[in-house]
Amino acid sequence: MKRVAWRLMPLLLLGYFSAYLDRSNVGMAALTMNKDLGFSNAVFGFGAGLFFIGYFIGEVPSNLVLNKFGARRWIARIMITWGIISGLTACVWDEWSFYTVRLLLGLAEAGLYPGVLLYMSWWVPSYYRTRSVALFQSASLISMIIGPPIGGLLLHLQGTLGLAGWQWLFIVEALPSLIMCVMIWQFLTERPDQATWLRPDQRKWLSERVASERAEREAIRKYSLAETFYSLKIWLMAVAYIGQNMVSYALAFFMPLIVQGLGASTGMIGVVAALPYVFALIAMNYWGWHSDVTGERIWHVCGAYLLSAAGLVACALLGHGHPVLTMIALTLALSGAQAINPTILALPGAMLTGAAAAAGFAMVCATGNLGGLIGPWVFGLVKDATGSDSTAALVLALGPIIAVILLQFVGYDRRMERFPPRAPRQV
């Protein structure tokens, strides 16, 4: 498993780093773009979130295509398409062109995240699954740590070659996805039995282990593709996942503006906005590891939701008068929100196999990511109406609380526990 991780995870991490950079860099661009284009908070929040409408439309078809034709070609196709569209965001001139590009960006990127989850189910046994998803998800947080300071520097290119700083930001940060398209095409291995970089006994062990777990799940119940679409448990997970994305993306898109409102200087906004993601990165990986070694999933998900809600409520109570304490509360909210990801996304993979798994991962991700539209839009509307980030944070806290209630109806399923480890023979 160490060999698998060292071979595959760098490619997947760099690919998702590029994806998250291109979907969230609009938050740094907003510092000057909103003024240049005359966008209100509501217009910006709605436009930023429209990405997830395109994402919702494209997720399930994209994952079914990936399951049929393979991950290497399809992920490379996804990456080059969104890289081009992300760079074209530099060409928007009004709210409708902004809306269109964000919608197209979501369509182009749809399928990457659930596609990687499906791909991991081909390679990673259950005992290692949640921590592997946490490691993969780390790329999004690393992009939020590195991205804002780099974005702040790119904004200083204002006027270079006649372009605004925010235009340079979109152009330069589209380049990594184009590079990673080539890397994925060249170096991603489809299945364990094709991994010439593993010894024959290692390929045999991994293939048999994954096949054995699939057989154990199907012995309890084998879902057909059609059954997946009307499974109440899958839909409960999908709707609950909306709460996570409401928090994650509202804070991702508005964090630079929140930090600016707390009094940070222009040069320090990117640095301060990145700090909560450092702690969220640590929390998420610890939470994924703890869920794997204890074998518990549902309450790890619920506990992370409750931590996120508590952080948002604390932000609302503190207001702008305590900037340091407010940043600590935001850090708790983000840490909880990010710790949700690896645990909730282990649940559909514990129940589904084959084409049903492809559809299930895509359904949960596609529906859940609608929170990326709802969260920023609601946050922007409330902020415009009240002039207060604190009130907007309080409204945002409803998402995680509702999610905890919904997850209580998922019920117990022993497949949601991890399978005990079966160590390969030591050679």
Protein backbone atom coordinates (compact mmCIF):
# COMPACT_ATOMS: atom_id res chain seq x y z
CA MET A 1 0.00 0.00 0.00
CA LYS A 2 2.97 2.33 0.54
CA ARG A 3 4.11 1.68 -3.01
CA VAL A 4 0.59 2.38 -4.29
CA ALA A 5 0.42 5.61 -2.29
CA TRP A 6 3.81 6.88 -3.46
CA ARG A 7 3.01 6.08 -7.09
CA LEU A 8 -0.60 7.26 -7.42
CA MET A 9 -1.23 9.87 -4.73
CA PRO A 10 1.20 12.54 -6.03
CA LEU A 11 -0.60 12.51 -9.40
CA LEU A 12 -4.05 12.63 -7.81
CA LEU A 13 -3.02 15.27 -5.27
CA LEU A 14 -1.52 17.58 -7.90
CA GLY A 15 -4.56 17.11 -10.12
CA TYR A 16 -7.00 18.02 -7.36
CA PHE A 17 -4.75 20.88 -6.21
CA SER A 18 -5.10 22.35 -9.71
CA ALA A 19 -8.86 21.80 -9.68
CA TYR A 20 -9.45 23.45 -6.33
CA LEU A 21 -7.14 26.33 -7.22
CA ASP A 22 -9.16 27.03 -10.36
CA ARG A 23 -12.56 26.78 -8.69
CA SER A 24 -11.70 28.87 -5.58
CA ASN A 25 -9.26 31.51 -6.87
CA VAL A 26 -12.31 33.63 -7.65
CA GLY A 27 -12.30 34.55 -3.93
CA MET A 28 -8.95 36.36 -4.21
CA ALA A 29 -9.89 37.82 -7.59
CA ALA A 30 -13.00 39.33 -5.96
CA LEU A 31 -10.84 41.81 -4.00
CA THR A 32 -10.46 43.89 -7.17
CA MET A 33 -12.69 42.19 -9.76
CA ASN A 34 -15.93 43.02 -7.93
CA LYS A 35 -15.13 46.72 -7.96
CA ASP A 36 -13.91 46.72 -11.58
CA LEU A 37 -17.04 44.93 -12.82
CA GLY A 38 -19.54 46.47 -10.36
CA PHE A 39 -20.55 43.17 -8.68
CA SER A 40 -22.53 43.19 -5.41
CA ASN A 41 -21.86 40.48 -2.79
CA ALA A 42 -25.01 38.67 -3.90
CA VAL A 43 -24.02 38.76 -7.60
CA PHE A 44 -20.52 37.53 -6.78
CA GLY A 45 -21.76 34.79 -4.41
CA PHE A 46 -24.36 33.55 -6.91
CA GLY A 47 -21.90 33.60 -9.81
CA ALA A 48 -19.16 31.85 -7.85
CA GLY A 49 -21.66 29.20 -6.79
CA LEU A 50 -23.04 28.63 -10.32
CA PHE A 51 -20.00 26.42 -10.81
CA PHE A 52 -21.91 23.77 -8.88
CA ILE A 53 -24.94 23.78 -11.16
CA GLY A 54 -22.68 22.70 -13.99
CA TYR A 55 -21.03 20.26 -11.59
CA PHE A 56 -24.42 18.80 -10.64
CA ILE A 57 -25.46 18.31 -14.26
CA GLY A 58 -22.23 16.62 -15.33
CA GLU A 59 -21.22 14.46 -12.35
CA VAL A 60 -23.23 11.27 -12.85
CA PRO A 61 -22.78 10.99 -16.66
CA SER A 62 -19.07 11.74 -16.29
CA ASN A 63 -18.52 9.05 -13.66
CA LEU A 64 -20.42 6.44 -15.66
CA VAL A 65 -18.21 7.23 -18.67
CA LEU A 66 -15.09 6.95 -16.50
CA ASN A 67 -16.25 3.58 -15.16
CA LYS A 68 -16.75 2.32 -18.72
CA PHE A 69 -13.69 3.73 -20.50
CA GLY A 70 -11.13 4.12 -17.71
CA ALA A 71 -9.74 6.80 -15.43
CA ARG A 72 -6.54 7.82 -17.24
CA ARG A 73 -8.11 9.11 -20.44
CA TRP A 74 -11.21 10.59 -18.87
CA ILE A 75 -9.46 12.45 -16.04
CA ALA A 76 -6.96 13.89 -18.55
CA ARG A 77 -9.91 15.05 -20.70
CA ILE A 78 -11.53 16.68 -17.70
CA MET A 79 -8.34 18.55 -16.77
CA ILE A 80 -7.55 20.09 -20.14
CA THR A 81 -11.16 21.24 -20.60
CA TRP A 82 -11.46 23.01 -17.27
CA GLY A 83 -7.95 24.50 -17.58
CA ILE A 84 -8.91 26.28 -20.79
CA ILE A 85 -12.23 27.53 -19.37
CA SER A 86 -10.62 28.68 -16.12
CA GLY A 87 -8.16 30.81 -18.08
CA LEU A 88 -11.05 32.30 -20.06
CA THR A 89 -12.51 33.69 -16.80
CA ALA A 90 -10.01 36.52 -17.36
CA CYS A 91 -12.22 37.63 -20.28
CA VAL A 92 -15.50 38.22 -18.37
CA TRP A 93 -16.90 41.75 -18.60
CA ASP A 94 -20.25 41.71 -16.78
CA GLU A 95 -22.34 39.55 -14.47
CA TRP A 96 -23.83 37.39 -17.25
CA SER A 97 -20.48 36.53 -18.79
CA PHE A 98 -19.26 35.71 -15.26
CA TYR A 99 -22.28 33.47 -14.70
CA THR A 100 -21.71 31.69 -18.03
CA VAL A 101 -18.02 30.96 -17.47
CA ARG A 102 -18.60 29.66 -13.94
CA LEU A 103 -21.38 27.37 -15.18
CA LEU A 104 -19.14 26.04 -17.96
CA LEU A 105 -16.26 25.55 -15.54
CA GLY A 106 -18.48 23.35 -13.38
CA LEU A 107 -19.54 21.29 -16.39
CA ALA A 108 -15.92 20.87 -17.46
CA GLU A 109 -14.64 19.82 -14.03
CA ALA A 110 -17.60 17.56 -13.22
CA GLY A 111 -16.54 14.03 -12.54
CA LEU A 112 -13.01 14.60 -11.26
CA TYR A 113 -13.71 14.23 -7.54
CA PRO A 114 -16.20 11.30 -7.68
CA GLY A 115 -14.07 9.80 -10.43
CA VAL A 116 -11.06 9.71 -8.13
CA LEU A 117 -13.22 8.23 -5.34
CA LEU A 118 -14.29 5.47 -7.73
CA TYR A 119 -10.70 5.00 -8.87
CA MET A 120 -9.59 4.63 -5.24
CA SER A 121 -12.20 1.92 -4.72
CA TRP A 122 -10.33 -0.08 -7.41
CA TRP A 123 -7.01 0.34 -5.60
CA VAL A 124 -7.51 0.97 -1.87
CA PRO A 125 -8.97 -1.63 0.55
CA SER A 126 -11.49 -0.38 3.12
CA TYR A 127 -9.04 -0.39 6.02
CA TYR A 128 -7.02 2.33 4.26
CA ARG A 129 -9.87 4.09 2.46
CA THR A 130 -10.80 7.04 4.70
CA ARG A 131 -7.24 8.15 5.38
CA SER A 132 -6.51 7.87 1.63
CA VAL A 133 -9.49 10.12 0.85
CA ALA A 134 -8.27 12.54 3.54
CA LEU A 135 -4.82 12.58 1.96
CA PHE A 136 -6.34 13.23 -1.46
CA GLN A 137 -8.62 15.93 -0.03
CA SER A 138 -5.51 17.56 1.47
CA ALA A 139 -4.78 18.93 -1.98
CA SER A 140 -7.79 21.26 -1.70
CA LEU A 141 -6.55 22.65 1.62
CA ILE A 142 -2.99 23.01 0.36
CA SER A 143 -4.38 25.04 -2.53
CA MET A 144 -6.20 27.25 -0.01
CA ILE A 145 -2.95 27.67 1.95
CA ILE A 146 -0.74 28.42 -1.04
CA GLY A 147 -3.34 29.96 -3.36
CA PRO A 148 -4.30 33.16 -1.51
CA PRO A 149 -0.71 34.42 -0.99
CA ILE A 150 0.14 33.64 -4.63
CA GLY A 151 -3.11 35.26 -5.72
CA GLY A 152 -2.21 38.35 -3.71
CA LEU A 153 1.10 38.60 -5.57
CA LEU A 154 -0.57 38.13 -8.96
CA LEU A 155 -2.97 40.98 -8.17
CA HIS A 156 0.10 43.24 -8.09
CA LEU A 157 0.50 42.66 -11.84
CA GLN A 158 -2.24 45.26 -12.26
CA GLY A 159 -1.77 47.03 -15.62
CA THR A 160 0.90 44.67 -16.96
CA LEU A 161 0.36 44.26 -20.73
CA GLY A 162 -2.89 46.15 -20.27
CA LEU A 163 -4.51 43.49 -18.08
CA ALA A 164 -5.95 43.83 -14.57
CA GLY A 165 -4.33 41.89 -11.72
CA TRP A 166 -7.36 39.62 -11.36
CA GLN A 167 -7.09 38.73 -15.04
CA TRP A 168 -3.47 37.66 -14.57
CA LEU A 169 -4.56 35.57 -11.59
CA PHE A 170 -7.00 33.52 -13.70
CA ILE A 171 -4.55 33.10 -16.60
CA VAL A 172 -1.50 32.03 -14.55
CA GLU A 173 -3.43 29.71 -12.21
CA ALA A 174 -4.99 27.86 -15.16
CA LEU A 175 -1.58 26.59 -16.26
CA PRO A 176 -1.08 23.81 -13.61
CA SER A 177 -4.19 21.93 -14.79
CA LEU A 178 -2.91 21.89 -18.38
CA ILE A 179 0.43 20.50 -17.21
CA MET A 180 -1.24 17.86 -15.03
CA CYS A 181 -3.39 16.73 -17.96
CA VAL A 182 -0.22 15.49 -19.65
CA MET A 183 1.13 13.92 -16.43
CA ILE A 184 -2.10 12.00 -15.77
CA TRP A 185 -2.23 10.76 -19.37
CA GLN A 186 1.34 9.49 -19.18
CA PHE A 187 1.63 8.02 -15.69
CA LEU A 188 -1.75 7.02 -14.19
CA THR A 189 -2.22 3.22 -14.02
CA GLU A 190 -5.77 1.94 -14.54
CA ARG A 191 -6.00 -1.19 -12.33
CA PRO A 192 -3.79 -3.12 -9.88
CA ASP A 193 -3.29 -6.02 -12.29
CA GLN A 194 -1.69 -3.54 -14.75
CA ALA A 195 0.78 -2.13 -12.20
CA THR A 196 4.15 -3.26 -13.52
CA TRP A 197 5.75 -1.17 -10.77
CA LEU A 198 4.43 -3.70 -8.19
CA ARG A 199 5.89 -7.16 -7.73
CA PRO A 200 3.70 -10.03 -9.02
CA ASP A 201 2.86 -11.16 -5.48
CA GLN A 202 1.87 -7.60 -4.54
CA ARG A 203 -0.40 -7.25 -7.58
CA LYS A 204 -1.99 -10.58 -6.72
CA TRP A 205 -2.56 -9.64 -3.06
CA LEU A 206 -4.07 -6.25 -3.86
CA SER A 207 -6.34 -7.53 -6.65
CA GLU A 208 -7.60 -10.39 -4.48
CA ARG A 209 -8.11 -8.13 -1.45
CA VAL A 210 -10.22 -5.61 -3.37
CA ALA A 211 -12.19 -8.40 -5.08
CA SER A 212 -12.81 -10.11 -1.72
CA GLU A 213 -14.22 -6.93 -0.17
CA ARG A 214 -16.46 -6.40 -3.19
CA ALA A 215 -17.78 -9.97 -2.80
CA GLU A 216 -18.45 -9.42 0.92
CA ARG A 217 -20.52 -6.30 0.18
CA GLU A 218 -22.45 -7.94 -2.63
CA ALA A 219 -23.18 -10.96 -0.43
CA ILE A 220 -25.14 -8.63 1.89
CA ARG A 221 -26.81 -6.79 -0.96
CA LYS A 222 -25.79 -6.01 -4.51
CA TYR A 223 -27.25 -2.74 -5.74
CA SER A 224 -28.07 -2.39 -9.40
CA LEU A 225 -27.48 0.92 -11.17
CA ALA A 226 -31.23 1.68 -11.10
CA GLU A 227 -31.55 0.82 -7.38
CA THR A 228 -28.83 3.32 -6.56
CA PHE A 229 -30.89 6.19 -7.94
CA TYR A 230 -33.83 5.54 -5.59
CA SER A 231 -31.92 4.36 -2.51
CA LEU A 232 -33.11 6.44 0.48
CA LYS A 233 -29.79 5.97 2.28
CA ILE A 234 -27.79 7.34 -0.65
CA TRP A 235 -30.11 10.33 -1.00
CA LEU A 236 -29.89 11.07 2.74
CA MET A 237 -26.09 11.07 2.48
CA ALA A 238 -26.25 13.28 -0.60
CA VAL A 239 -28.56 15.89 0.95
CA ALA A 240 -26.57 15.84 4.21
CA TYR A 241 -23.41 16.55 2.19
CA ILE A 242 -24.95 19.87 1.09
CA GLY A 243 -24.31 21.20 4.60
CA GLN A 244 -20.58 20.55 4.32
CA ASN A 245 -20.26 22.31 1.00
CA MET A 246 -22.34 25.28 2.14
CA VAL A 247 -19.74 26.01 4.81
CA SER A 248 -16.62 25.08 2.84
CA TYR A 249 -17.38 27.14 -0.24
CA ALA A 250 -18.99 30.13 1.46
CA LEU A 251 -15.83 30.51 3.54
CA ALA A 252 -13.53 29.70 0.60
CA PHE A 253 -15.09 32.39 -1.61
CA PHE A 254 -15.65 35.01 1.10
CA MET A 255 -12.66 34.39 3.40
CA PRO A 256 -10.50 37.13 1.79
CA LEU A 257 -13.39 39.61 2.11
CA ILE A 258 -14.02 38.54 5.74
CA VAL A 259 -10.33 38.98 6.59
CA GLN A 260 -10.35 42.36 4.88
CA GLY A 261 -13.35 43.35 7.03
CA LEU A 262 -11.45 42.30 10.19
CA GLY A 263 -8.85 44.96 9.45
CA ALA A 264 -6.00 43.04 7.80
CA SER A 265 -3.79 45.09 5.48
CA THR A 266 -3.95 44.43 1.76
CA GLY A 267 -0.56 42.71 1.77
CA MET A 268 -1.55 40.38 4.63
CA ILE A 269 -5.03 39.34 3.49
CA GLY A 270 -3.78 36.30 1.56
CA VAL A 271 -1.56 35.13 4.42
CA VAL A 272 -4.22 35.51 7.13
CA ALA A 273 -6.90 33.91 4.92
CA ALA A 274 -4.63 30.87 4.46
CA LEU A 275 -3.97 30.23 8.19
CA PRO A 276 -7.27 28.44 9.05
CA TYR A 277 -6.59 25.94 6.28
CA VAL A 278 -3.31 24.87 7.88
CA PHE A 279 -5.18 23.69 10.98
CA ALA A 280 -8.02 22.26 8.87
CA LEU A 281 -5.46 20.16 6.97
CA ILE A 282 -4.18 18.62 10.22
CA ALA A 283 -7.69 18.05 11.59
CA MET A 284 -8.96 16.37 8.43
CA ASN A 285 -6.09 13.87 8.18
CA TYR A 286 -6.29 13.02 11.88
CA TRP A 287 -10.07 12.53 11.62
CA GLY A 288 -9.75 10.23 8.61
CA TRP A 289 -7.04 8.16 10.33
CA HIS A 290 -9.09 7.90 13.54
CA SER A 291 -12.19 6.75 11.64
CA ASP A 292 -10.17 4.01 9.92
CA VAL A 293 -8.49 2.64 13.04
CA THR A 294 -11.70 2.66 15.09
CA GLY A 295 -13.88 1.39 12.24
CA GLU A 296 -16.62 3.97 13.01
CA ARG A 297 -18.06 6.28 10.34
CA ILE A 298 -21.43 7.88 11.10
CA TRP A 299 -20.52 9.59 14.39
CA HIS A 300 -17.21 10.76 12.98
CA VAL A 301 -19.26 12.53 10.30
CA CYS A 302 -21.75 13.96 12.80
CA GLY A 303 -19.04 15.10 15.22
CA ALA A 304 -17.30 17.02 12.45
CA TYR A 305 -20.59 18.66 11.43
CA LEU A 306 -21.26 19.76 15.01
CA LEU A 307 -17.75 21.24 15.34
CA SER A 308 -18.30 23.22 12.14
CA ALA A 309 -21.66 24.54 13.37
CA ALA A 310 -20.15 25.49 16.75
CA GLY A 311 -17.39 27.49 15.04
CA LEU A 312 -19.90 29.41 12.92
CA VAL A 313 -22.11 30.20 15.92
CA ALA A 314 -19.02 31.43 17.80
CA CYS A 315 -18.20 33.73 14.84
CA ALA A 316 -21.69 35.17 15.00
CA LEU A 317 -21.48 35.80 18.75
CA LEU A 318 -18.01 37.38 18.60
CA GLY A 319 -18.65 39.78 15.71
CA HIS A 320 -15.95 42.06 14.31
CA GLY A 321 -14.80 43.40 17.68
CA HIS A 322 -12.51 40.42 18.37
CA PRO A 323 -10.56 39.70 15.15
CA VAL A 324 -8.18 37.12 16.69
CA LEU A 325 -10.97 35.18 18.39
CA THR A 326 -13.08 35.39 15.23
CA MET A 327 -10.24 33.84 13.21
CA ILE A 328 -9.97 31.04 15.80
CA ALA A 329 -13.71 30.41 15.48
CA LEU A 330 -13.43 30.39 11.68
CA THR A 331 -10.59 27.88 12.02
CA LEU A 332 -12.83 25.58 14.09
CA ALA A 333 -15.64 25.91 11.54
CA LEU A 334 -13.31 25.07 8.67
CA SER A 335 -11.61 22.22 10.53
CA GLY A 336 -14.97 20.61 11.21
CA ALA A 337 -16.17 21.15 7.63
CA GLN A 338 -13.05 19.61 6.12
CA ALA A 339 -13.04 16.64 8.54
CA ILE A 340 -16.49 15.73 7.20
CA ASN A 341 -15.22 14.97 3.68
CA PRO A 342 -13.19 11.77 4.09
CA THR A 343 -15.68 10.18 6.47
CA ILE A 344 -18.97 10.90 4.69
CA LEU A 345 -17.50 9.91 1.32
CA ALA A 346 -16.49 6.51 2.70
CA LEU A 347 -20.17 5.65 3.26
CA PRO A 348 -21.44 5.09 -0.32
CA GLY A 349 -18.33 3.08 -1.18
CA ALA A 350 -19.07 0.75 1.73
CA MET A 351 -22.45 -0.17 0.23
CA LEU A 352 -22.02 -0.02 -3.55
CA THR A 353 -19.90 -1.74 -6.17
CA GLY A 354 -19.32 -1.51 -9.93
CA ALA A 355 -21.54 0.86 -11.93
CA ALA A 356 -23.70 1.39 -8.83
CA ALA A 357 -20.63 2.72 -7.00
CA ALA A 358 -19.83 5.04 -9.91
CA ALA A 359 -23.37 6.44 -9.80
CA GLY A 360 -23.49 6.56 -5.99
CA PHE A 361 -20.26 8.54 -5.61
CA ALA A 362 -21.40 10.93 -8.33
CA MET A 363 -24.89 11.35 -6.80
CA VAL A 364 -23.51 12.20 -3.37
CA CYS A 365 -20.89 14.58 -4.76
CA ALA A 366 -23.18 16.21 -7.32
CA THR A 367 -26.07 16.78 -4.91
CA GLY A 368 -23.81 17.74 -2.02
CA ASN A 369 -21.90 20.22 -4.13
CA LEU A 370 -25.10 22.19 -4.68
CA GLY A 371 -24.18 23.53 -1.26
CA GLY A 372 -21.38 25.31 -3.11
CA LEU A 373 -24.08 27.37 -4.82
CA ILE A 374 -26.40 27.72 -1.83
CA GLY A 375 -23.76 28.65 0.76
CA PRO A 376 -22.01 31.53 -1.06
CA TRP A 377 -25.29 32.87 -2.45
CA VAL A 378 -27.03 32.88 0.96
CA PHE A 379 -23.93 34.31 2.63
CA GLY A 380 -23.81 37.13 0.05
CA LEU A 381 -27.55 37.85 0.30
CA VAL A 382 -27.49 38.02 4.11
CA LYS A 383 -24.35 40.15 4.10
CA ASP A 384 -25.89 42.59 1.60
CA ALA A 385 -29.12 42.74 3.62
CA THR A 386 -27.53 43.15 7.06
CA GLY A 387 -24.03 44.39 6.33
CA SER A 388 -22.78 41.73 8.74
CA ASP A 389 -20.53 38.70 8.21
CA SER A 390 -21.60 37.52 11.69
CA THR A 391 -25.28 37.20 10.80
CA ALA A 392 -24.35 35.44 7.55
CA ALA A 393 -22.22 32.94 9.53
CA LEU A 394 -25.13 32.23 11.87
CA VAL A 395 -27.45 31.45 8.94
CA LEU A 396 -24.74 29.24 7.44
CA ALA A 397 -24.62 27.15 10.64
CA LEU A 398 -28.08 25.75 9.85
CA GLY A 399 -26.60 23.58 7.09
CA PRO A 400 -24.42 21.37 9.34
CA ILE A 401 -27.15 21.10 11.98
CA ILE A 402 -29.72 19.86 9.45
CA ALA A 403 -27.13 17.41 8.08
CA VAL A 404 -26.65 15.80 11.52
CA ILE A 405 -30.41 15.28 11.81
CA LEU A 406 -30.61 13.68 8.34
CA LEU A 407 -27.75 11.29 9.07
CA GLN A 408 -29.62 9.86 12.03
CA PHE A 409 -32.07 8.38 9.51
CA VAL A 410 -29.35 6.60 7.53
CA GLY A 411 -29.34 3.86 10.15
CA TYR A 412 -26.78 1.21 10.98
CA ASP A 413 -25.16 -0.84 8.24
CA ARG A 414 -22.22 -3.06 9.12
CA ARG A 415 -20.71 -2.48 5.69
CA MET A 416 -20.09 1.12 6.79
CA GLU A 417 -17.49 -0.17 9.21
CA ARG A 418 -14.04 -0.81 7.82
CA PHE A 419 -12.97 -4.37 7.13
CA PRO A 420 -10.23 -5.69 9.43
CA PRO A 421 -6.72 -5.44 8.01
CA ARG A 422 -5.21 -8.41 6.27
CA ALA A 423 -1.52 -7.71 6.03
CA PRO A 424 0.34 -8.98 2.99
CA ARG A 425 3.01 -11.58 3.48
CA GLN A 426 6.32 -10.02 4.51
CA VAL A 427 9.12 -10.73 2.03
